[in-house]
C-alpha atoms as a PDB file:
ATOM      1  CA  UNK A   1      -9.316  20.012  17.367  1.00  0.00           C
ATOM      2  CA  UNK A   2      -8.465  21.137  21.165  1.00  0.00           C
ATOM      3  CA  UNK A   3      -7.619  25.260  20.501  1.00  0.00           C
ATOM      4  CA  UNK A   4      -4.135  25.996  19.310  1.00  0.00           C
ATOM      5  CA  UNK A   5      -3.604  22.342  17.942  1.00  0.00           C
ATOM      6  CA  UNK A   6      -3.017  22.666  14.003  1.00  0.00           C
ATOM      7  CA  UNK A   7      -3.038  19.082  13.693  1.00  0.00           C
ATOM      8  CA  UNK A   8      -4.143  15.623  15.541  1.00  0.00           C
ATOM      9  CA  UNK A   9      -1.653  13.035  15.983  1.00  0.00           C
ATOM     10  CA  UNK A  10      -1.382   9.384  16.328  1.00  0.00           C
ATOM     11  CA  UNK A  11       0.409   8.125  19.196  1.00  0.00           C
ATOM     12  CA  UNK A  12       0.944   4.084  19.507  1.00  0.00           C
ATOM     13  CA  UNK A  13       2.648   2.682  22.895  1.00  0.00           C
ATOM     14  CA  UNK A  14       5.507   0.826  21.413  1.00  0.00           C
ATOM     15  CA  UNK A  15       7.304  -2.266  23.364  1.00  0.00           C
ATOM     16  CA  UNK A  16      10.754  -2.329  24.651  1.00  0.00           C
ATOM     17  CA  UNK A  17      13.322  -3.870  26.741  1.00  0.00           C
ATOM     18  CA  UNK A  18      12.233  -2.347  29.888  1.00  0.00           C
ATOM     19  CA  UNK A  19       8.777  -0.825  29.527  1.00  0.00           C
ATOM     20  CA  UNK A  20       7.986   1.179  25.851  1.00  0.00           C
ATOM     21  CA  UNK A  21       8.133   4.556  24.572  1.00  0.00           C
ATOM     22  CA  UNK A  22       5.128   6.326  22.806  1.00  0.00           C
ATOM     23  CA  UNK A  23       5.700   7.236  18.361  1.00  0.00           C
ATOM     24  CA  UNK A  24       3.930  10.152  17.444  1.00  0.00           C
ATOM     25  CA  UNK A  25       3.190  10.756  14.702  1.00  0.00           C
ATOM     26  CA  UNK A  26       2.779   7.175  13.512  1.00  0.00           C
ATOM     27  CA  UNK A  27       0.770   7.915  10.619  1.00  0.00           C
ATOM     28  CA  UNK A  28      -1.996  10.680  11.126  1.00  0.00           C
ATOM     29  CA  UNK A  29      -0.364  13.566   8.981  1.00  0.00           C
ATOM     30  CA  UNK A  30       1.985  12.368   5.954  1.00  0.00           C
ATOM     31  CA  UNK A  31       3.170  16.192   5.300  1.00  0.00           C
ATOM     32  CA  UNK A  32       3.903  18.262   8.494  1.00  0.00           C
ATOM     33  CA  UNK A  33       5.749  21.477   9.798  1.00  0.00           C
ATOM     34  CA  UNK A  34       8.262  21.690  12.715  1.00  0.00           C
ATOM     35  CA  UNK A  35       5.531  23.514  14.177  1.00  0.00           C
ATOM     36  CA  UNK A  36       3.189  19.776  14.187  1.00  0.00           C
ATOM     37  CA  UNK A  37       6.602  17.918  15.345  1.00  0.00           C
ATOM     38  CA  UNK A  38       6.519  20.527  18.518  1.00  0.00           C
ATOM     39  CA  UNK A  39       2.567  19.743  18.909  1.00  0.00           C
ATOM     40  CA  UNK A  40       2.989  16.188  18.855  1.00  0.00           C
ATOM     41  CA  UNK A  41       5.632  16.097  21.441  1.00  0.00           C
ATOM     42  CA  UNK A  42       3.943  17.942  24.273  1.00  0.00           C
ATOM     43  CA  UNK A  43       0.615  15.927  23.732  1.00  0.00           C
ATOM     44  CA  UNK A  44       2.747  12.805  23.177  1.00  0.00           C
ATOM     45  CA  UNK A  45       4.542  13.395  27.009  1.00  0.00           C
ATOM     46  CA  UNK A  46       1.138  14.378  28.205  1.00  0.00           C
ATOM     47  CA  UNK A  47       0.210  10.853  27.428  1.00  0.00           C
ATOM     48  CA  UNK A  48       3.076   9.228  28.188  1.00  0.00           C
ATOM     49  CA  UNK A  49       2.710  10.333  31.766  1.00  0.00           C
ATOM     50  CA  UNK A  50      -0.651   9.474  32.306  1.00  0.00           C
ATOM     51  CA  UNK A  51      -0.007   5.453  30.711  1.00  0.00           C
ATOM     52  CA  UNK A  52       3.084   5.150  32.409  1.00  0.00           C
ATOM     53  CA  UNK A  53       2.779   7.413  35.780  1.00  0.00           C
ATOM     54  CA  UNK A  54       5.235   9.165  35.421  1.00  0.00           C
ATOM     55  CA  UNK A  55       6.466  12.754  35.067  1.00  0.00           C
ATOM     56  CA  UNK A  56       9.168  14.629  32.973  1.00  0.00           C
ATOM     57  CA  UNK A  57       9.149  11.820  30.091  1.00  0.00           C
ATOM     58  CA  UNK A  58      11.988  11.729  27.595  1.00  0.00           C
ATOM     59  CA  UNK A  59      11.497  13.049  24.275  1.00  0.00           C
ATOM     60  CA  UNK A  60      14.138  12.478  21.191  1.00  0.00           C
ATOM     61  CA  UNK A  61      13.416  13.870  17.517  1.00  0.00           C
ATOM     62  CA  UNK A  62      14.122  10.784  14.878  1.00  0.00           C
ATOM     63  CA  UNK A  63      16.667  11.374  12.521  1.00  0.00           C
ATOM     64  CA  UNK A  64      18.924   9.785  10.206  1.00  0.00           C
ATOM     65  CA  UNK A  65      21.734  10.496  12.627  1.00  0.00           C
ATOM     66  CA  UNK A  66      21.991  11.845  16.360  1.00  0.00           C
ATOM     67  CA  UNK A  67      24.616  14.119  15.202  1.00  0.00           C
ATOM     68  CA  UNK A  68      23.448  18.117  14.862  1.00  0.00           C
ATOM     69  CA  UNK A  69      23.496  19.054  11.024  1.00  0.00           C
ATOM     70  CA  UNK A  70      22.358  15.702   9.962  1.00  0.00           C
ATOM     71  CA  UNK A  71      19.002  15.610   8.495  1.00  0.00           C
ATOM     72  CA  UNK A  72      16.710  17.529   5.902  1.00  0.00           C
ATOM     73  CA  UNK A  73      14.961  21.047   6.877  1.00  0.00           C
ATOM     74  CA  UNK A  74      11.996  20.160   8.831  1.00  0.00           C
ATOM     75  CA  UNK A  75      13.979  17.811  11.236  1.00  0.00           C
ATOM     76  CA  UNK A  76      16.505  21.015  11.711  1.00  0.00           C
ATOM     77  CA  UNK A  77      13.909  23.654  11.942  1.00  0.00           C
ATOM     78  CA  UNK A  78      12.153  21.126  14.829  1.00  0.00           C
ATOM     79  CA  UNK A  79      15.110  20.715  16.846  1.00  0.00           C
ATOM     80  CA  UNK A  80      15.788  24.160  17.350  1.00  0.00           C
ATOM     81  CA  UNK A  81      12.615  24.829  18.022  1.00  0.00           C
ATOM     82  CA  UNK A  82      12.363  21.602  20.491  1.00  0.00           C
ATOM     83  CA  UNK A  83      15.757  22.671  22.246  1.00  0.00           C
ATOM     84  CA  UNK A  84      14.058  25.994  22.768  1.00  0.00           C
ATOM     85  CA  UNK A  85      11.352  25.008  25.166  1.00  0.00           C
ATOM     86  CA  UNK A  86      13.423  22.190  26.851  1.00  0.00           C
ATOM     87  CA  UNK A  87      13.175  22.705  30.424  1.00  0.00           C
ATOM     88  CA  UNK A  88      10.597  24.668  30.374  1.00  0.00           C
ATOM     89  CA  UNK A  89       7.799  22.433  28.969  1.00  0.00           C
ATOM     90  CA  UNK A  90       9.574  19.234  28.097  1.00  0.00           C
ATOM     91  CA  UNK A  91      12.605  17.786  28.707  1.00  0.00           C
ATOM     92  CA  UNK A  92      14.276  17.284  25.299  1.00  0.00           C
ATOM     93  CA  UNK A  93      16.916  15.059  25.410  1.00  0.00           C
ATOM     94  CA  UNK A  94      17.697  15.315  21.239  1.00  0.00           C
ATOM     95  CA  UNK A  95      18.483  13.760  17.818  1.00  0.00           C
ATOM     96  CA  UNK A  96      17.853   9.769  17.939  1.00  0.00           C
ATOM     97  CA  UNK A  97      18.326   7.161  15.438  1.00  0.00           C
ATOM     98  CA  UNK A  98      16.482   3.988  14.343  1.00  0.00           C
ATOM     99  CA  UNK A  99      18.486   1.855  16.043  1.00  0.00           C
ATOM    100  CA  UNK A 100      17.859   3.513  19.511  1.00  0.00           C
ATOM    101  CA  UNK A 101      14.239   3.377  19.139  1.00  0.00           C
ATOM    102  CA  UNK A 102      14.201   0.413  21.885  1.00  0.00           C
ATOM    103  CA  UNK A 103      17.393   0.669  24.024  1.00  0.00           C
ATOM    104  CA  UNK A 104      15.048   2.864  27.008  1.00  0.00           C
ATOM    105  CA  UNK A 105      17.055   5.905  26.564  1.00  0.00           C
ATOM    106  CA  UNK A 106      13.413   7.674  25.681  1.00  0.00           C
ATOM    107  CA  UNK A 107      10.366   7.769  26.371  1.00  0.00           C
ATOM    108  CA  UNK A 108       8.652   9.579  23.293  1.00  0.00           C
ATOM    109  CA  UNK A 109      10.068   9.487  19.665  1.00  0.00           C
ATOM    110  CA  UNK A 110       8.720  12.303  17.666  1.00  0.00           C
ATOM    111  CA  UNK A 111       8.724  12.308  13.703  1.00  0.00           C
ATOM    112  CA  UNK A 112       6.028  13.537  10.826  1.00  0.00           C
ATOM    113  CA  UNK A 113       3.452  10.229   9.517  1.00  0.00           C
ATOM    114  CA  UNK A 114       5.109   9.389   7.064  1.00  0.00           C
ATOM    115  CA  UNK A 115       8.041   7.955   8.737  1.00  0.00           C
ATOM    116  CA  UNK A 116       6.460   6.959  11.776  1.00  0.00           C
ATOM    117  CA  UNK A 117       3.722   5.097  10.231  1.00  0.00           C
ATOM    118  CA  UNK A 118       6.802   2.857   8.120  1.00  0.00           C
ATOM    119  CA  UNK A 119       8.608   2.170  11.610  1.00  0.00           C
ATOM    120  CA  UNK A 120       5.152   0.821  13.144  1.00  0.00           C
ATOM    121  CA  UNK A 121       4.432  -1.445  10.708  1.00  0.00           C
ATOM    122  CA  UNK A 122       8.120  -2.279   9.958  1.00  0.00           C
ATOM    123  CA  UNK A 123       8.199  -3.493  13.985  1.00  0.00           C
ATOM    124  CA  UNK A 124       4.997  -5.265  13.332  1.00  0.00           C
ATOM    125  CA  UNK A 125       5.944  -7.123  10.675  1.00  0.00           C
ATOM    126  CA  UNK A 126       9.776  -7.851  12.160  1.00  0.00           C
ATOM    127  CA  UNK A 127       8.004  -9.106  15.157  1.00  0.00           C
ATOM    128  CA  UNK A 128       5.766 -11.637  13.367  1.00  0.00           C
ATOM    129  CA  UNK A 129       8.880 -13.039  11.078  1.00  0.00           C
ATOM    130  CA  UNK A 130      10.724 -13.501  14.000  1.00  0.00           C
ATOM    131  CA  UNK A 131       8.172 -15.213  15.738  1.00  0.00           C
ATOM    132  CA  UNK A 132       7.490 -17.397  13.086  1.00  0.00           C
ATOM    133  CA  UNK A 133      11.467 -18.650  12.678  1.00  0.00           C
ATOM    134  CA  UNK A 134      11.483 -19.236  16.284  1.00  0.00           C
ATOM    135  CA  UNK A 135       8.803 -21.658  15.844  1.00  0.00           C
ATOM    136  CA  UNK A 136      10.486 -23.094  12.588  1.00  0.00           C
ATOM    137  CA  UNK A 137      13.521 -23.549  14.348  1.00  0.00           C
ATOM    138  CA  UNK A 138      12.342 -25.787  17.258  1.00  0.00           C
ATOM    139  CA  UNK A 139      10.194 -27.844  15.397  1.00  0.00           C
ATOM    140  CA  UNK A 140      13.089 -29.027  13.460  1.00  0.00           C
ATOM    141  CA  UNK A 141      13.942 -32.115  15.771  1.00  0.00           C
ATOM    142  CA  UNK A 142      12.866 -34.085  18.567  1.00  0.00           C
ATOM    143  CA  UNK A 143      15.596 -32.768  20.845  1.00  0.00           C
ATOM    144  CA  UNK A 144      14.459 -29.403  20.025  1.00  0.00           C
ATOM    145  CA  UNK A 145      10.999 -29.994  20.554  1.00  0.00           C
ATOM    146  CA  UNK A 146      12.151 -31.142  23.971  1.00  0.00           C
ATOM    147  CA  UNK A 147      13.611 -28.446  24.632  1.00  0.00           C
ATOM    148  CA  UNK A 148      10.848 -25.952  23.540  1.00  0.00           C
ATOM    149  CA  UNK A 149       8.221 -28.161  25.225  1.00  0.00           C
ATOM    150  CA  UNK A 150      10.478 -27.268  28.747  1.00  0.00           C
ATOM    151  CA  UNK A 151      10.998 -23.389  27.756  1.00  0.00           C
ATOM    152  CA  UNK A 152       7.047 -23.297  27.472  1.00  0.00           C
ATOM    153  CA  UNK A 153       6.660 -20.963  30.224  1.00  0.00           C
ATOM    154  CA  UNK A 154       9.343 -18.838  29.256  1.00  0.00           C
ATOM    155  CA  UNK A 155       7.629 -19.043  25.669  1.00  0.00           C
ATOM    156  CA  UNK A 156       4.450 -17.534  26.795  1.00  0.00           C
ATOM    157  CA  UNK A 157       5.516 -15.222  28.486  1.00  0.00           C
ATOM    158  CA  UNK A 158       7.658 -13.529  26.070  1.00  0.00           C
ATOM    159  CA  UNK A 159       4.409 -13.811  23.882  1.00  0.00           C
ATOM    160  CA  UNK A 160       2.661 -11.448  26.319  1.00  0.00           C
ATOM    161  CA  UNK A 161       5.283  -9.206  26.520  1.00  0.00           C
ATOM    162  CA  UNK A 162       5.487  -8.142  22.658  1.00  0.00           C
ATOM    163  CA  UNK A 163       1.730  -8.945  21.960  1.00  0.00           C
ATOM    164  CA  UNK A 164       0.498  -6.175  20.584  1.00  0.00           C
ATOM    165  CA  UNK A 165      -3.324  -7.136  21.781  1.00  0.00           C
ATOM    166  CA  UNK A 166      -2.842  -5.443  25.167  1.00  0.00           C
ATOM    167  CA  UNK A 167      -1.777  -2.143  23.169  1.00  0.00           C
ATOM    168  CA  UNK A 168      -4.907  -2.867  20.992  1.00  0.00           C
ATOM    169  CA  UNK A 169      -5.716   0.708  20.501  1.00  0.00           C
ATOM    170  CA  UNK A 170      -4.049   3.977  19.731  1.00  0.00           C
ATOM    171  CA  UNK A 171      -5.507   7.457  20.596  1.00  0.00           C
ATOM    172  CA  UNK A 172      -5.987  10.266  18.402  1.00  0.00           C
ATOM    173  CA  UNK A 173      -4.459  12.978  20.253  1.00  0.00           C
ATOM    174  CA  UNK A 174      -5.203  16.720  20.035  1.00  0.00           C
ATOM    175  CA  UNK A 175      -9.368  16.325  20.354  1.00  0.00           C
ATOM    176  CA  UNK A 176     -11.325  17.745  22.507  1.00  0.00           C
ATOM    177  CA  UNK A 177     -13.130  14.383  23.132  1.00  0.00           C
ATOM    178  CA  UNK A 178     -10.968  11.176  23.598  1.00  0.00           C
ATOM    179  CA  UNK A 179     -10.608   8.395  20.118  1.00  0.00           C
ATOM    180  CA  UNK A 180      -9.267   5.459  19.734  1.00  0.00           C
ATOM    181  CA  UNK A 181      -7.928   4.029  16.832  1.00  0.00           C
ATOM    182  CA  UNK A 182      -7.632   0.287  16.386  1.00  0.00           C
ATOM    183  CA  UNK A 183      -6.029  -1.935  13.420  1.00  0.00           C
ATOM    184  CA  UNK A 184      -8.462  -2.679  10.606  1.00  0.00           C
ATOM    185  CA  UNK A 185      -7.366  -6.481  11.574  1.00  0.00           C
ATOM    186  CA  UNK A 186      -8.191  -6.063  15.233  1.00  0.00           C
ATOM    187  CA  UNK A 187     -10.133  -9.664  16.783  1.00  0.00           C
ATOM    188  CA  UNK A 188     -11.743  -9.187  20.208  1.00  0.00           C
ATOM    189  CA  UNK A 189      -8.657  -9.303  22.013  1.00  0.00           C
ATOM    190  CA  UNK A 190      -7.723  -5.650  20.179  1.00  0.00           C
ATOM    191  CA  UNK A 191     -10.658  -4.261  20.895  1.00  0.00           C
ATOM    192  CA  UNK A 192     -10.276  -4.976  24.721  1.00  0.00           C
ATOM    193  CA  UNK A 193      -7.118  -3.524  24.514  1.00  0.00           C
ATOM    194  CA  UNK A 194      -8.408  -0.473  23.150  1.00  0.00           C
ATOM    195  CA  UNK A 195     -11.168  -0.137  25.413  1.00  0.00           C
ATOM    196  CA  UNK A 196      -8.962  -0.268  28.179  1.00  0.00           C
ATOM    197  CA  UNK A 197      -6.840   2.087  26.857  1.00  0.00           C
ATOM    198  CA  UNK A 198     -10.215   4.681  26.332  1.00  0.00           C
ATOM    199  CA  UNK A 199     -11.251   4.130  30.055  1.00  0.00           C
ATOM    200  CA  UNK A 200      -7.825   4.763  31.437  1.00  0.00           C
ATOM    201  CA  UNK A 201      -8.147   7.979  29.690  1.00  0.00           C
ATOM    202  CA  UNK A 202     -11.575   8.760  30.324  1.00  0.00           C
ATOM    203  CA  UNK A 203     -10.235   8.691  34.453  1.00  0.00           C
ATOM    204  CA  UNK A 204      -7.832  11.247  34.067  1.00  0.00           C
ATOM    205  CA  UNK A 205      -7.993  14.410  32.819  1.00  0.00           C
ATOM    206  CA  UNK A 206      -5.182  14.528  29.965  1.00  0.00           C
ATOM    207  CA  UNK A 207      -7.042  16.960  27.745  1.00  0.00           C
ATOM    208  CA  UNK A 208      -6.535  20.127  30.021  1.00  0.00           C
ATOM    209  CA  UNK A 209      -2.460  19.270  30.627  1.00  0.00           C
ATOM    210  CA  UNK A 210      -2.352  19.436  26.661  1.00  0.00           C
ATOM    211  CA  UNK A 211      -4.324  22.437  26.707  1.00  0.00           C
ATOM    212  CA  UNK A 212      -2.171  24.250  29.262  1.00  0.00           C
ATOM    213  CA  UNK A 213       1.239  23.264  27.665  1.00  0.00           C
ATOM    214  CA  UNK A 214      -0.083  24.101  23.958  1.00  0.00           C
ATOM    215  CA  UNK A 215      -0.865  27.783  25.147  1.00  0.00           C
ATOM    216  CA  UNK A 216       2.589  28.410  26.879  1.00  0.00           C
ATOM    217  CA  UNK A 217       4.612  26.231  23.664  1.00  0.00           C
ATOM    218  CA  UNK A 218       2.787  28.879  21.347  1.00  0.00           C
ATOM    219  CA  UNK A 219       3.177  32.000  23.450  1.00  0.00           C
ATOM    220  CA  UNK A 220       7.010  30.991  23.572  1.00  0.00           C
ATOM    221  CA  UNK A 221       7.232  30.301  19.503  1.00  0.00           C
ATOM    222  CA  UNK A 222       5.477  33.148  18.133  1.00  0.00           C
ATOM    223  CA  UNK A 223       6.940  35.202  15.683  1.00  0.00           C
ATOM    224  CA  UNK A 224       8.012  38.655  17.417  1.00  0.00           C
ATOM    225  CA  UNK A 225       6.730  41.207  15.583  1.00  0.00           C
ATOM    226  CA  UNK A 226       8.914  43.158  12.854  1.00  0.00           C
ATOM    227  CA  UNK A 227      10.075  47.015  14.284  1.00  0.00           C
ATOM    228  CA  UNK A 228      10.422  49.953  12.071  1.00  0.00           C
ATOM    229  CA  UNK A 229      13.670  48.794  10.303  1.00  0.00           C
ATOM    230  CA  UNK A 230      12.272  45.270   8.805  1.00  0.00           C
ATOM    231  CA  UNK A 231      14.379  43.481  12.004  1.00  0.00           C
ATOM    232  CA  UNK A 232      12.032  41.130  14.417  1.00  0.00           C
ATOM    233  CA  UNK A 233      11.930  43.048  17.512  1.00  0.00           C
ATOM    234  CA  UNK A 234      10.145  42.108  21.285  1.00  0.00           C
ATOM    235  CA  UNK A 235       6.602  43.037  21.500  1.00  0.00           C
ATOM    236  CA  UNK A 236       5.288  46.305  23.518  1.00  0.00           C
END
């Protein structure tokens, strides 16, 4: 692992209406601590900046509600930690609910790997289901078949926009070398997409940015030593 990184994280790019977002972690860690999720956010931000060539990406923490106070202990502690480094190291926008992740209001969605993997696989299966429904309805009668033929170009463009093959792999962030994970059922187009992602990461020095951000964050979040009266005080 990169020095200072506690857990590597899986970070796929998910397409949305106006681009897409990074989901991190999407399955590398079933159990996570607040410190892990903070590091997931930093690593995913660095990846997004290189992937989309955009600085200061917007980060949100996935939760069952966008109001403070909702969620479990992991969410509460992570939320406070992310607020403590907001503005200095990353652009943290707060809590986000599941129905908001495709609304183009954030660039990085942070969660533990248990939740993230469910989100990822649910999205994959839903896109296939909608595609099969659409195909079934367009073949229902001759009139619809004619309309589908006239709209063939639009359907081809739509398929390309949501085609997971162009994002055939995702990086396992937090390691000293670039590692790309592809789906177990990948075809040659998926593997080609994964190779393109790997090439992009090699051409950009993302690892040095991650190392520096993690060092600064660990300094900010480092517990203060106890004073003689048992209370936390400033480090001398």
